[in-house]
Protein backbone atom coordinates (compact mmCIF):
# COMPACT_ATOMS: atom_id res chain seq x y z
CA MET A 1 0.03 -0.28 -0.05
CA PRO A 2 1.59 3.39 -0.79
CA GLY A 3 2.51 5.81 2.02
CA ARG A 4 0.64 8.44 3.17
CA PRO A 5 -0.01 11.44 0.89
CA ARG A 6 2.14 14.55 2.56
CA GLY A 7 0.92 16.89 -0.04
CA LEU A 8 -2.66 17.80 1.20
CA ARG A 9 -0.37 18.49 5.00
CA ARG A 10 1.56 20.92 3.24
CA LEU A 11 -1.03 22.34 0.94
CA LEU A 12 -3.20 23.80 4.08
CA LEU A 13 -0.09 24.77 6.02
CA ALA A 14 0.97 27.14 2.83
CA GLY A 15 -2.20 28.05 1.83
CA THR A 16 -3.20 28.96 5.73
CA VAL A 17 -0.15 31.30 6.17
CA LEU A 18 -0.66 33.02 2.83
CA VAL A 19 -4.03 33.41 3.60
CA SER A 20 -3.31 35.21 6.48
CA ALA A 21 -0.30 37.33 5.57
CA CYS A 22 -2.77 38.53 2.90
CA SER A 23 -5.90 39.04 5.51
CA ILE A 24 -3.36 40.86 7.62
CA ALA A 25 -1.76 43.54 4.84
CA ALA A 26 -5.41 43.78 3.23
CA THR A 27 -7.25 44.49 6.88
CA THR A 28 -4.46 47.34 6.82
CA TRP A 29 -4.88 49.14 3.81
CA LEU A 30 -8.61 49.14 3.87
CA SER A 31 -8.27 50.51 6.90
CA VAL A 32 -7.15 53.70 5.34
CA GLN A 33 -9.00 53.23 2.10
CA SER A 34 -12.27 52.45 3.50
CA THR A 35 -13.86 56.03 5.06
CA THR A 36 -13.02 57.52 1.19
CA GLU A 37 -14.56 54.83 -0.70
CA THR A 38 -17.66 55.23 1.85
CA LEU A 39 -18.03 59.09 1.11
CA ARG A 40 -17.55 57.78 -2.64
CA ALA A 41 -20.19 55.18 -2.62
CA GLU A 42 -22.68 57.49 -0.40
CA GLN A 43 -22.22 60.29 -3.01
CA GLY A 44 -22.88 57.54 -5.83
CA ARG A 45 -26.04 55.99 -3.77
CA ALA A 46 -27.18 59.48 -3.48
CA GLN A 47 -27.44 59.92 -7.39
CA GLU A 48 -28.43 56.55 -7.88
CA GLY A 49 -31.42 57.03 -5.14
CA LEU A 50 -32.59 59.99 -6.77
CA ALA A 51 -32.81 58.70 -10.13
CA ARG A 52 -34.73 55.34 -9.24
CA VAL A 53 -37.53 58.10 -7.02
CA HIS A 54 -37.98 60.28 -9.73
CA ASP A 55 -38.64 57.06 -11.96
CA ALA A 56 -41.00 55.56 -9.44
CA VAL A 57 -43.11 59.02 -8.78
CA LEU A 58 -43.04 59.67 -12.65
CA GLY A 59 -44.21 56.24 -13.29
CA TYR A 60 -46.67 56.52 -10.78
CA GLY A 61 -47.97 59.86 -11.98
CA ALA A 62 -48.17 58.26 -15.43
CA THR A 63 -50.70 55.16 -14.31
CA HIS A 64 -52.95 57.39 -12.43
CA PRO A 65 -55.16 60.35 -12.69
CA ALA A 66 -54.31 62.00 -9.26
CA TRP A 67 -51.48 62.11 -6.93
CA THR A 68 -54.17 61.11 -4.21
CA GLY A 69 -52.63 57.72 -3.09
CA VAL A 70 -48.69 58.61 -3.45
CA ALA A 71 -47.72 58.92 -0.15
CA PRO A 72 -47.11 55.22 0.89
CA LEU A 73 -45.18 55.17 -2.33
CA LEU A 74 -42.71 57.93 -1.15
CA ALA A 75 -42.47 56.24 2.56
CA GLU A 76 -41.34 53.12 0.98
CA LEU A 77 -38.94 54.98 -1.31
CA SER A 78 -38.03 56.89 1.88
CA ARG A 79 -37.17 53.37 3.49
CA GLU A 80 -35.26 52.42 0.49
CA THR A 81 -33.20 54.54 -0.01
CA GLY A 82 -32.27 56.44 3.10
CA LEU A 83 -33.46 59.79 1.77
CA ARG A 84 -36.26 62.29 2.58
CA ILE A 85 -38.66 62.90 -0.05
CA ARG A 86 -41.34 65.60 -0.45
CA LEU A 87 -44.06 66.14 -3.25
CA THR A 88 -45.42 69.18 -3.80
CA THR A 89 -47.91 71.09 -6.34
CA PRO A 90 -46.33 73.86 -9.00
CA GLU A 91 -47.51 76.58 -5.64
CA ARG A 92 -45.54 74.55 -3.28
CA VAL A 93 -48.62 73.02 -1.45
CA LEU A 94 -47.75 69.59 0.21
CA ILE A 95 -48.82 66.19 -1.91
CA GLY A 96 -47.34 63.72 0.41
CA GLY A 97 -44.09 62.86 2.30
CA ALA A 98 -42.69 65.24 4.49
CA PHE A 99 -39.18 65.93 6.10
CA GLY A 100 -38.14 65.72 10.26
CA PRO A 101 -39.54 68.37 12.52
CA ASP A 102 -35.81 69.42 12.74
CA ASP A 103 -34.83 69.47 8.88
CA PRO A 104 -34.24 72.32 7.16
CA PRO A 105 -37.28 74.00 5.08
CA LEU A 106 -37.55 73.12 1.13
CA ALA A 107 -34.77 74.34 -1.01
CA GLU A 108 -35.24 77.13 -3.62
CA GLN A 109 -34.65 74.76 -6.38
CA PRO A 110 -36.76 71.24 -6.49
CA SER A 111 -34.72 68.24 -7.28
CA ALA A 112 -36.73 67.43 -10.32
CA VAL A 113 -40.26 68.11 -11.76
CA VAL A 114 -42.47 65.67 -12.18
CA ASP A 115 -44.72 65.80 -15.30
CA PRO A 116 -45.56 62.40 -17.40
CA LEU A 117 -46.81 64.98 -20.56
CA ASN A 118 -43.10 66.66 -20.25
CA VAL A 119 -40.86 64.37 -19.28
CA ASP A 120 -37.45 65.91 -18.00
CA LEU A 121 -35.10 64.36 -20.90
CA PRO A 122 -31.96 64.19 -18.87
CA ALA A 123 -33.62 62.07 -15.87
CA GLY A 124 -36.58 60.53 -17.11
CA ARG A 125 -37.49 57.83 -19.48
CA GLY A 126 -39.60 60.10 -22.27
CA GLY A 127 -38.56 60.04 -25.66
CA ALA A 128 -37.07 62.86 -27.82
CA GLY A 129 -40.08 63.23 -30.09
CA ASP A 130 -43.21 64.47 -27.53
CA ARG A 131 -41.13 63.56 -23.99
CA ILE A 132 -44.58 61.62 -23.12
CA ASP A 133 -43.28 58.90 -20.58
CA PRO A 134 -44.34 55.85 -22.18
CA ARG A 135 -45.95 54.47 -19.20
CA ALA A 136 -48.99 56.87 -19.54
CA VAL A 137 -50.96 54.66 -21.78
CA GLY A 138 -54.33 56.64 -20.75
CA PRO A 139 -57.56 54.91 -22.85
CA PHE A 140 -54.94 52.55 -24.67
CA ARG A 141 -54.57 50.16 -21.75
CA LEU A 142 -56.33 46.78 -22.40
CA THR A 143 -58.90 44.88 -20.08
CA ALA A 144 -57.70 41.79 -18.45
CA GLU A 145 -59.61 39.86 -20.97
CA GLU A 146 -58.27 41.26 -23.98
CA ARG A 147 -54.59 40.89 -22.43
CA GLU A 148 -55.27 37.31 -22.11
CA ILE A 149 -56.63 37.18 -25.52
CA SER A 150 -53.40 39.36 -26.88
CA ARG A 151 -50.86 36.98 -25.66
CA ALA A 152 -52.85 33.81 -26.77
CA ARG A 153 -52.51 35.02 -29.89
CA ALA A 154 -49.00 36.43 -29.76
CA GLN A 155 -47.61 32.76 -28.48
CA GLU A 156 -49.95 31.34 -31.54
CA ASP A 157 -47.75 33.53 -33.74
CA VAL A 158 -44.43 32.79 -32.05
CA ASP A 159 -45.54 28.90 -32.42
CA CYS A 160 -45.97 29.75 -36.22
CA ALA A 161 -42.46 31.85 -36.79
CA ARG A 162 -40.18 28.88 -34.75
CA GLY A 163 -42.21 26.50 -36.84
CA ARG A 164 -40.78 28.39 -39.89
CA GLY A 165 -37.45 28.47 -38.36
CA VAL A 166 -37.57 31.76 -36.72
CA ALA A 167 -36.31 32.63 -33.40
CA ALA A 168 -39.40 34.70 -32.12
CA GLU A 169 -40.51 35.63 -28.39
CA VAL A 170 -43.28 37.20 -26.81
CA ARG A 171 -43.01 40.83 -25.93
CA THR A 172 -45.79 43.15 -24.07
CA ASN A 173 -46.07 46.57 -24.22
CA GLU A 174 -47.06 49.12 -20.77
CA ALA A 175 -50.54 49.02 -22.47
CA GLY A 176 -50.50 45.19 -22.14
CA ARG A 177 -50.73 44.35 -25.88
CA SER A 178 -48.66 41.36 -26.50
CA PHE A 179 -46.86 40.82 -29.37
CA ALA A 180 -44.39 38.14 -31.32
CA TRP A 181 -41.18 39.71 -32.18
CA PRO A 182 -39.48 39.64 -34.62
CA THR A 183 -42.83 39.38 -36.75
CA THR A 184 -42.81 36.59 -39.82
CA ASP A 185 -45.03 36.62 -42.83
CA GLY A 186 -47.91 34.45 -42.61
CA CYS A 187 -47.90 34.75 -38.63
CA ALA A 188 -49.64 37.91 -37.86
CA SER A 189 -52.90 37.19 -35.60
CA SER A 190 -51.46 39.40 -32.68
CA THR A 191 -51.25 41.97 -35.10
CA ARG A 192 -54.97 43.08 -34.96
CA THR A 193 -56.18 45.47 -32.64
CA THR A 194 -59.13 45.26 -29.93
CA ASP A 195 -61.52 47.45 -28.78
CA THR A 196 -60.36 49.03 -26.21
CA GLU A 197 -57.30 50.16 -28.80
CA GLU A 198 -59.56 50.72 -31.62
CA LYS A 199 -61.50 53.17 -29.31
CA ALA A 200 -58.66 54.92 -28.21
CA LEU A 201 -57.42 55.23 -31.91
CA ARG A 202 -60.70 57.17 -32.69
CA LEU A 203 -60.49 59.46 -30.06
CA LEU A 204 -56.73 60.13 -30.82
CA ASN A 205 -57.29 60.65 -34.74
CA ALA A 206 -60.08 62.97 -34.04
CA TYR A 207 -57.63 65.64 -31.90
CA SER A 208 -55.34 64.72 -34.42
CA ARG A 209 -57.51 65.64 -37.26
CA GLN A 210 -58.27 68.81 -35.26
CA CYS A 211 -54.74 70.08 -35.18
CA HIS A 212 -53.69 69.71 -38.40
CA ALA A 213 -57.13 71.47 -39.32
CA ASP A 214 -56.11 74.29 -36.67
CA THR A 215 -52.92 74.64 -38.49
CA GLY A 216 -53.74 74.32 -41.84
CA THR A 217 -51.38 70.71 -42.48
CA THR A 218 -52.04 68.00 -43.83
CA TYR A 219 -54.03 65.05 -41.83
CA HIS A 220 -52.55 61.38 -41.90
CA PRO A 221 -54.52 59.07 -39.94
CA VAL A 222 -52.79 57.25 -36.83
CA LEU A 223 -52.25 53.43 -36.93
CA LEU A 224 -51.11 50.91 -34.35
CA ASP A 225 -47.72 49.13 -35.48
CA VAL A 226 -47.86 45.21 -34.38
CA ASP A 227 -45.83 46.57 -30.93
CA GLY A 228 -48.29 49.23 -30.02
CA SER A 229 -46.65 51.98 -30.99
CA LEU A 230 -48.23 54.82 -33.40
CA MET A 231 -47.27 54.94 -36.98
CA ALA A 232 -48.99 56.83 -39.85
CA LEU A 233 -47.88 56.92 -43.42
CA VAL A 234 -46.59 60.39 -43.89
CA ASP A 235 -44.01 62.03 -46.23
CA GLU A 236 -41.20 63.77 -45.46
CA GLY A 237 -42.41 67.21 -46.11
CA GLY A 238 -45.15 66.54 -43.62
CA GLN A 239 -43.20 64.64 -40.68
CA ARG A 240 -42.56 67.76 -38.41
CA SER A 241 -46.40 68.76 -38.32
CA HIS A 242 -47.48 65.65 -38.22
CA GLU A 243 -45.03 64.78 -35.07
CA GLU A 244 -46.53 68.01 -33.28
CA CYS A 245 -50.01 67.60 -33.78
CA LEU A 246 -49.27 63.57 -32.78
CA ALA A 247 -47.87 65.08 -29.63
CA SER A 248 -50.27 67.25 -29.07
CA ALA A 249 -53.57 64.83 -29.72
CA ARG A 250 -51.69 62.73 -27.30
CA ARG A 251 -51.43 65.31 -24.55
CA THR A 252 -54.99 66.11 -24.77
CA LEU A 253 -55.98 62.50 -24.79
CA LEU A 254 -53.80 61.28 -21.39
CA THR A 255 -54.47 64.57 -19.63
CA SER A 256 -57.45 63.27 -17.73
CA TYR A 257 -55.61 59.66 -17.12
CA VAL A 258 -52.24 61.15 -15.56
CA ALA A 259 -51.59 63.03 -12.64
CA PRO A 260 -50.85 66.75 -12.98
CA ALA A 261 -47.33 68.17 -13.14
CA ALA A 262 -45.45 68.31 -9.64
CA LEU A 263 -42.55 69.10 -8.01
CA LEU A 264 -40.04 66.43 -6.26
CA PHE A 265 -37.73 67.37 -3.16
CA VAL A 266 -35.16 64.70 -2.25
CA GLY A 267 -32.53 65.57 0.26
CA GLU A 268 -30.38 63.42 2.85
CA PRO A 269 -29.16 64.10 6.37
CA VAL A 270 -26.53 66.27 6.68
CA ARG A 271 -23.29 63.63 7.76
CA SER A 272 -19.84 64.97 8.72
CA HIS A 273 -16.97 62.52 7.23
CA THR A 274 -13.52 62.40 8.84
CA VAL A 275 -10.96 60.47 6.67
CA VAL A 276 -8.76 58.51 9.18
CA GLY A 277 -5.64 57.21 8.61
CA LEU A 278 -3.42 54.35 10.42
CA PRO A 279 -1.71 55.41 13.41
CA ALA A 280 1.78 54.91 13.92
CA ALA A 281 1.26 53.11 17.81
CA GLY A 282 -1.19 51.03 15.90
CA VAL A 283 1.74 49.39 13.75
CA ALA A 284 3.28 47.51 16.94
CA ARG A 285 -0.30 46.18 17.66
CA ILE A 286 -1.13 45.03 14.17
CA ALA A 287 2.55 42.99 13.88
CA LEU A 288 1.68 41.23 17.15
CA ALA A 289 -1.69 40.48 16.26
CA ALA A 290 -0.08 39.31 13.22
CA SER A 291 2.18 37.16 14.59
CA LEU A 292 -0.35 35.29 16.64
CA VAL A 293 -2.43 34.61 13.52
CA LEU A 294 0.33 32.90 12.21
CA VAL A 295 0.86 30.80 15.23
CA LEU A 296 -2.65 29.76 15.43
CA ALA A 297 -3.13 29.33 11.77
CA VAL A 298 -0.20 27.10 11.92
CA GLY A 299 -1.14 24.80 14.58
CA VAL A 300 -4.86 24.84 13.19
CA SER A 301 -3.88 23.79 10.07
CA SER A 302 -1.89 20.57 11.15
CA LEU A 303 -4.75 19.41 13.34
CA LEU A 304 -6.79 19.79 10.31
CA ALA A 305 -4.86 18.30 7.99
CA GLY A 306 -4.42 14.83 9.76
CA ARG A 307 -9.04 14.81 9.90
CA VAL A 308 -8.67 15.21 6.19
CA LEU A 309 -6.25 12.47 5.29
CA ARG A 310 -7.51 9.87 7.80
CA PRO A 311 -11.16 9.26 6.52
CA LEU A 312 -9.75 9.94 2.46
CA THR A 313 -7.36 7.24 3.05
CA ALA A 314 -10.23 4.92 4.15
CA LEU A 315 -12.08 6.26 1.00
CA THR A 316 -9.28 5.66 -1.06
CA GLU A 317 -8.59 1.90 0.14
CA ALA A 318 -12.66 1.15 -0.87
CA ALA A 319 -12.17 2.57 -4.14
CA ARG A 320 -8.93 0.17 -4.79
CA ARG A 321 -10.78 -2.88 -3.63
CA MET A 322 -14.05 -2.03 -5.28
CA ARG A 323 -11.71 -1.41 -8.41
CA ALA A 324 -10.03 -5.29 -8.04
CA GLY A 325 -13.49 -6.51 -8.29
CA ASP A 326 -14.99 -6.47 -4.57
CA LEU A 327 -18.35 -5.19 -4.82
CA SER A 328 -18.95 -5.83 -0.96
CA ALA A 329 -15.82 -3.22 -0.68
CA ARG A 330 -17.44 -0.12 1.98
CA ALA A 331 -15.36 2.85 3.49
CA ARG A 332 -15.91 2.91 7.23
CA VAL A 333 -15.35 6.87 7.75
CA ALA A 334 -16.67 8.06 11.25
CA ALA A 335 -16.25 11.76 10.46
CA ARG A 336 -18.90 14.01 10.22
CA TRP A 337 -17.98 16.83 7.68
CA GLU A 338 -17.95 16.65 4.26
CA VAL A 339 -16.09 13.53 3.75
CA ALA A 340 -18.94 11.33 5.37
CA GLU A 341 -21.34 12.53 2.32
CA VAL A 342 -18.78 11.12 0.11
CA ALA A 343 -18.21 8.50 1.79
CA ALA A 344 -21.85 7.40 1.58
CA ALA A 345 -22.44 8.47 -1.71
CA PHE A 346 -19.57 5.79 -2.35
CA ASN A 347 -21.62 3.11 0.03
CA ASP A 348 -24.31 3.84 -1.86
CA MET A 349 -22.79 3.47 -5.25
CA SER A 350 -20.83 0.34 -4.18
CA GLU A 351 -24.51 -1.24 -3.27
CA HIS A 352 -26.26 0.06 -6.61
CA LEU A 353 -23.34 -1.48 -8.43
CA ALA A 354 -23.70 -4.72 -6.58
CA ARG A 355 -27.28 -4.79 -6.51
CA ALA A 356 -27.27 -3.63 -10.70
CA GLU A 357 -24.88 -6.91 -10.78
CA ALA A 358 -27.27 -9.05 -9.40
CA LEU A 359 -29.91 -8.11 -11.68
CA ARG A 360 -27.80 -8.52 -14.66
CA LYS A 361 -27.01 -11.86 -13.96
CA ASN A 362 -30.86 -13.01 -13.10
CA LEU A 363 -31.76 -10.66 -16.70
CA VAL A 364 -29.29 -12.99 -18.36
CA ASN A 365 -30.66 -16.18 -16.31
CA ASP A 366 -34.18 -15.40 -17.27
CA LEU A 367 -33.76 -14.40 -21.10
CA SER A 368 -32.00 -17.29 -21.65
CA HIS A 369 -34.26 -19.95 -19.81
CA GLU A 370 -36.94 -17.73 -21.96
CA LEU A 371 -35.44 -18.49 -25.13
CA ARG A 372 -33.97 -22.06 -24.39
CA THR A 373 -37.61 -23.56 -24.77
CA PRO A 374 -38.82 -21.99 -27.95
CA LEU A 375 -35.42 -22.30 -29.70
CA GLY A 376 -34.83 -25.84 -28.61
CA THR A 377 -38.52 -26.37 -29.72
CA MET A 378 -37.60 -25.20 -33.41
CA ARG A 379 -34.10 -26.51 -33.40
CA GLY A 380 -35.44 -30.12 -32.70
CA TRP A 381 -37.88 -30.20 -35.15
CA LEU A 382 -35.51 -28.58 -37.92
CA VAL A 383 -32.85 -30.80 -37.28
CA ALA A 384 -35.56 -33.71 -37.83
CA ALA A 385 -36.85 -32.71 -40.78
CA GLN A 386 -33.82 -31.99 -42.17
CA GLU A 387 -32.76 -35.84 -41.53
CA GLY A 388 -35.65 -36.93 -42.80
CA VAL A 389 -37.41 -38.07 -39.31
CA ALA A 390 -39.87 -35.61 -39.54
CA GLU A 391 -42.17 -34.09 -42.58
CA LEU A 392 -42.18 -30.70 -43.08
CA ASP A 393 -46.06 -30.62 -43.19
CA GLN A 394 -48.57 -27.67 -42.63
CA ASP A 395 -48.88 -28.97 -38.61
CA LEU A 396 -45.15 -28.24 -37.89
CA LEU A 397 -44.67 -24.94 -39.69
CA ASP A 398 -47.54 -24.05 -37.54
CA LEU A 399 -46.08 -25.23 -35.17
CA LEU A 400 -42.48 -23.37 -35.76
CA LEU A 401 -44.67 -20.37 -36.21
CA GLN A 402 -46.12 -20.36 -33.00
CA GLU A 403 -42.72 -20.69 -31.32
CA THR A 404 -41.34 -17.90 -33.17
CA LEU A 405 -44.81 -15.83 -32.06
CA VAL A 406 -43.49 -16.50 -28.57
CA LEU A 407 -39.91 -15.26 -29.10
CA GLN A 408 -41.77 -11.94 -31.12
CA HIS A 409 -44.24 -11.64 -28.02
CA LEU A 410 -41.28 -11.99 -25.72
CA VAL A 411 -39.50 -9.07 -27.54
CA ASP A 412 -42.16 -6.99 -28.12
CA ASP A 413 -42.75 -7.23 -24.04
CA LEU A 414 -38.82 -6.41 -23.56
CA GLN A 415 -38.65 -3.18 -25.60
CA GLU A 416 -42.26 -1.99 -24.25
CA LEU A 417 -40.08 -2.46 -20.62
CA ALA A 418 -37.34 -0.57 -22.23
CA ALA A 419 -38.78 2.38 -23.31
CA ALA A 420 -40.78 2.73 -20.05
CA ASP A 421 -37.31 2.54 -18.18
CA ALA A 422 -36.02 4.95 -20.38
CA GLY A 423 -39.39 7.63 -20.17
CA GLU A 424 -39.90 6.68 -23.66
CA LEU A 425 -43.45 5.69 -22.85
CA ARG A 426 -45.88 7.13 -25.30
CA LEU A 427 -49.32 8.14 -24.09
CA ARG A 428 -52.33 9.53 -25.92
CA PRO A 429 -54.87 10.21 -23.23
CA GLU A 430 -58.30 11.04 -23.75
CA PRO A 431 -61.67 10.71 -22.23
CA VAL A 432 -62.46 7.10 -21.18
CA ASP A 433 -65.45 5.24 -19.49
CA ALA A 434 -63.37 2.62 -17.81
CA ALA A 435 -66.96 1.15 -16.86
CA GLU A 436 -67.40 -0.03 -20.84
CA LEU A 437 -63.77 -0.51 -20.89
CA LEU A 438 -64.03 -3.00 -17.99
CA ALA A 439 -66.88 -4.51 -19.73
CA GLY A 440 -65.39 -5.15 -23.05
CA VAL A 441 -62.71 -7.25 -21.58
CA ALA A 442 -64.86 -9.24 -19.07
CA ALA A 443 -66.68 -10.19 -22.07
CA ALA A 444 -63.73 -11.06 -24.30
CA HIS A 445 -62.35 -13.45 -21.32
CA ARG A 446 -65.65 -14.61 -20.40
CA VAL A 447 -65.45 -13.65 -16.69
CA GLU A 448 -67.90 -11.77 -14.59
CA ALA A 449 -67.79 -7.54 -14.24
CA ASP A 450 -69.47 -5.95 -11.33
CA LEU A 451 -70.03 -2.21 -12.59
CA PRO A 452 -71.74 0.32 -10.85
CA ASP A 453 -75.33 1.28 -12.18
CA GLY A 454 -76.46 3.85 -14.00
CA GLY A 455 -73.26 5.87 -14.43
CA GLY A 456 -69.86 5.59 -15.82
CA LEU A 457 -66.27 5.83 -14.25
CA PRO A 458 -65.05 9.03 -16.25
CA LEU A 459 -61.50 9.06 -16.81
CA VAL A 460 -58.83 11.06 -19.22
CA ALA A 461 -56.31 8.16 -19.97
CA ASP A 462 -54.64 6.03 -23.09
CA PRO A 463 -57.52 3.43 -24.07
CA VAL A 464 -55.38 1.15 -25.62
CA ARG A 465 -52.62 1.01 -22.56
CA LEU A 466 -55.42 1.07 -19.98
CA ARG A 467 -57.02 -2.21 -21.61
CA GLN A 468 -53.66 -3.83 -21.75
CA VAL A 469 -53.62 -3.38 -18.39
CA VAL A 470 -56.95 -4.51 -17.51
CA ARG A 471 -56.32 -7.71 -20.18
CA ASN A 472 -53.15 -8.65 -18.50
CA LEU A 473 -54.71 -8.43 -14.81
CA VAL A 474 -57.94 -10.73 -16.23
CA VAL A 475 -55.47 -13.34 -18.14
CA ASN A 476 -52.92 -13.48 -15.20
CA ALA A 477 -56.40 -14.13 -13.28
CA VAL A 478 -57.53 -16.93 -15.68
CA GLN A 479 -54.30 -18.67 -15.70
CA HIS A 480 -53.91 -19.28 -11.71
CA THR A 481 -57.96 -19.82 -11.34
CA PRO A 482 -59.12 -23.45 -11.45
CA ALA A 483 -62.15 -24.25 -14.11
CA ASP A 484 -64.75 -23.72 -11.29
CA GLY A 485 -63.37 -21.14 -9.81
CA ARG A 486 -64.10 -17.92 -10.65
CA VAL A 487 -62.75 -14.21 -12.00
CA VAL A 488 -64.80 -10.91 -10.92
CA VAL A 489 -63.83 -7.16 -12.82
CA ARG A 490 -65.03 -4.40 -10.44
CA GLY A 491 -65.51 -0.82 -10.94
CA ARG A 492 -66.60 2.25 -8.66
CA LEU A 493 -65.35 5.88 -7.79
CA ARG A 494 -64.21 6.58 -4.25
CA ASP A 495 -62.90 9.74 -3.05
CA GLY A 496 -61.70 10.92 -6.37
CA GLU A 497 -60.61 8.16 -7.62
CA VAL A 498 -61.45 5.54 -10.33
CA VAL A 499 -61.00 1.98 -8.46
CA LEU A 500 -60.32 -0.87 -10.84
CA GLU A 501 -60.47 -4.70 -9.44
CA VAL A 502 -59.69 -7.89 -10.87
CA VAL A 503 -60.17 -10.41 -8.43
CA ASP A 504 -60.15 -14.59 -8.67
CA SER A 505 -60.81 -17.17 -6.11
CA GLY A 506 -57.74 -19.07 -7.34
CA ARG A 507 -54.49 -20.68 -5.44
CA GLY A 508 -53.62 -17.16 -4.21
CA ILE A 509 -49.90 -16.11 -3.91
CA ALA A 510 -47.80 -16.72 -0.65
CA ALA A 511 -46.65 -13.57 1.35
CA GLU A 512 -43.23 -14.18 0.77
CA ASP A 513 -43.81 -13.72 -3.03
CA LEU A 514 -45.87 -10.73 -2.96
CA PRO A 515 -43.15 -7.96 -3.07
CA HIS A 516 -42.06 -9.88 -6.71
CA VAL A 517 -45.32 -9.96 -8.48
CA PHE A 518 -44.16 -7.07 -10.38
CA ASP A 519 -40.82 -8.16 -10.78
CA ARG A 520 -39.82 -9.07 -14.51
CA PHE A 521 -39.87 -12.73 -15.29
CA TRP A 522 -40.89 -13.93 -12.18
CA ARG A 523 -43.46 -16.55 -11.69
CA ALA A 524 -44.61 -18.43 -8.27
CA ASP A 525 -43.86 -21.63 -9.98
CA ARG A 526 -40.08 -21.78 -9.20
CA SER A 527 -40.17 -25.08 -11.89
CA ARG A 528 -40.76 -22.51 -14.63
CA ALA A 529 -43.06 -24.57 -16.14
CA ARG A 530 -44.93 -23.48 -19.08
CA ALA A 531 -48.08 -25.04 -17.86
CA THR A 532 -49.11 -21.98 -15.91
CA GLY A 533 -48.45 -19.60 -18.99
CA GLY A 534 -46.86 -16.65 -19.58
CA ARG A 535 -43.49 -15.00 -19.80
CA GLY A 536 -43.32 -13.13 -16.45
CA LEU A 537 -43.70 -10.05 -17.99
CA GLY A 538 -47.25 -8.85 -18.11
CA LEU A 539 -47.72 -7.46 -14.20
CA ALA A 540 -44.41 -5.64 -14.83
CA ILE A 541 -45.76 -4.01 -17.88
CA ALA A 542 -48.96 -3.35 -16.22
CA LYS A 543 -47.54 -1.33 -13.31
CA HIS A 544 -45.58 0.89 -15.79
CA HIS A 545 -48.68 1.82 -17.67
CA VAL A 546 -50.26 2.68 -14.32
CA VAL A 547 -47.74 4.78 -13.13
CA ALA A 548 -47.58 6.12 -16.65
CA HIS A 549 -50.95 7.32 -15.68
CA GLY A 550 -50.29 8.97 -12.44
CA GLY A 551 -51.91 5.77 -10.64
CA THR A 552 -51.02 3.28 -8.22
CA ILE A 553 -51.21 -0.60 -8.68
CA THR A 554 -51.38 -3.07 -5.61
CA VAL A 555 -51.81 -6.83 -4.74
CA THR A 556 -53.58 -8.64 -1.86
CA SER A 557 -53.81 -12.25 -1.56
CA GLU A 558 -54.34 -15.52 0.66
CA VAL A 559 -53.12 -18.77 -0.23
CA GLY A 560 -55.99 -21.47 -1.20
CA LYS A 561 -58.62 -18.12 -1.11
CA GLY A 562 -57.58 -16.10 -4.01
CA THR A 563 -56.01 -12.82 -5.18
CA THR A 564 -56.86 -9.18 -5.55
CA PHE A 565 -55.19 -6.75 -7.95
CA THR A 566 -56.08 -3.09 -7.09
CA VAL A 567 -55.28 -0.28 -9.32
CA ARG A 568 -56.55 3.49 -8.21
CA LEU A 569 -56.23 6.15 -10.64
CA PRO A 570 -57.46 9.51 -10.67
CA ALA A 571 -61.07 10.36 -12.18
CA GLY A 572 -61.80 13.14 -15.09
CA ARG A 573 -64.67 14.21 -16.86
CA LEU A 574 -66.32 12.44 -19.55
CA PRO A 575 -67.60 15.04 -22.69
CA ALA A 576 -71.21 15.31 -22.44
CA LYS A 577 -73.79 13.85 -25.09
CA GLU A 578 -74.86 14.82 -27.80
CA SER A 579 -78.46 15.11 -25.95
CA ASP A 580 -76.76 16.61 -23.13
CA GLN A 581 -75.69 19.57 -25.15
CA GLY A 582 -79.09 20.11 -26.64
CA ILE A 583 -78.01 19.33 -30.16
């Protein structure tokens, strides 16, 4: 066995010393620079806070017809930014917010003028054209129902565009209008305007038409672009007059939807700042502290290195044993820190590998057993026919065909189970009446059916897969029930679930065998004789299908009295019949 590694111990020591030295030097430098940096940071935060307050208050004014409810917003902004905020009318009548009783009076000049229809461009969000805050949409704001319809149309356009290879996405403007971006030819259902937009456009065009009439310029109707922006087909010569009248019409339209202009005053408490340097007397104390930190770091790192290396050595030894083929190797680690989680994960992996190896061997044995009988039968008859002992007539061909069908069914079942294991089992759910399905399976296999009177068992499920589940359970029950026995298929609703049961009066299953009923290739008959029928896959497939439907399947049995398989699935709603819909 290789010697105990020493590199980690040296690495911990070197790292601890280096980190300690760097931390002391950094602390010294930071103590000198902290005050200056704090002043600069506070100045930056003040500017950022002012911009944030102005934008938030401007947004409130753009979306409310008055400043009546602005006080809570001002209080919240004051708490978040640490700034003192006051909003007044142009005549300096208080609207909301207030400084403390000991604070100085209002400044001669406000920090900003808040007017959603005439945005202060350096601090606001207005465009260079009309200087109207884009959040002021007024009568163009869609209703909740129109928003839903608009988003659904936009999603259809996005799906259409992606189907044509265009990487489109859904965007939403301030008015709540959703649209696909970029637009794609042939995918334009979201370009249709809503009733709210049509009404607002009529008002806006009326104001614009009046402005052009007053100024003697040519009127051009305003339309909505796909993203909700306003557009018009205007030649270059009439562009300026169109923009001026459009801005005037928008202000007239939005006046009753936005708050009036107000003055914003923002201040902060006066603080005195003193930049403090490092005193000479502190150098000796720092040097002493540095020495103590270094000694402590070396001692602690030495102790920790031993605690780190011991469990890692045990984990390494277990890994070497596993690589040598000992799947029973386990890492015995008593530590309680992170390496214990690594050791637990390693032990879990070892157990998983051991189980996987056992399952692999069992699967190989089961497959070889399942394939041996039909292949042996086919080979024996073919050799006999080749040597002239048996005649290759129709009966022999039928026998050989039956054996190939056995192999084909085995391959199909294994392929279906492999798809289920890989999560690729495809379901085609649709409304299903489980009562009708149960009745059909019961009639096909000539067993009893106990179903509710006057009502169905509604499910949303894949009818083919569900019928296969019931058929597998019924076939299993018939095979293990004597001729004078009884097999009953039952269905009922209970606690929001559809409960399906297949009950037989057969020989039953021993208690020690019940946990293995849904295992692949498992049979209660240890001799694995084909007289009992089946390939040992039907119940495993049934369980996969039930789980894929979000349900559960269980089994109860008593030797000598019979077995009951119970399937529970979430109940669903059946579509109304034509008579119920009044057709």
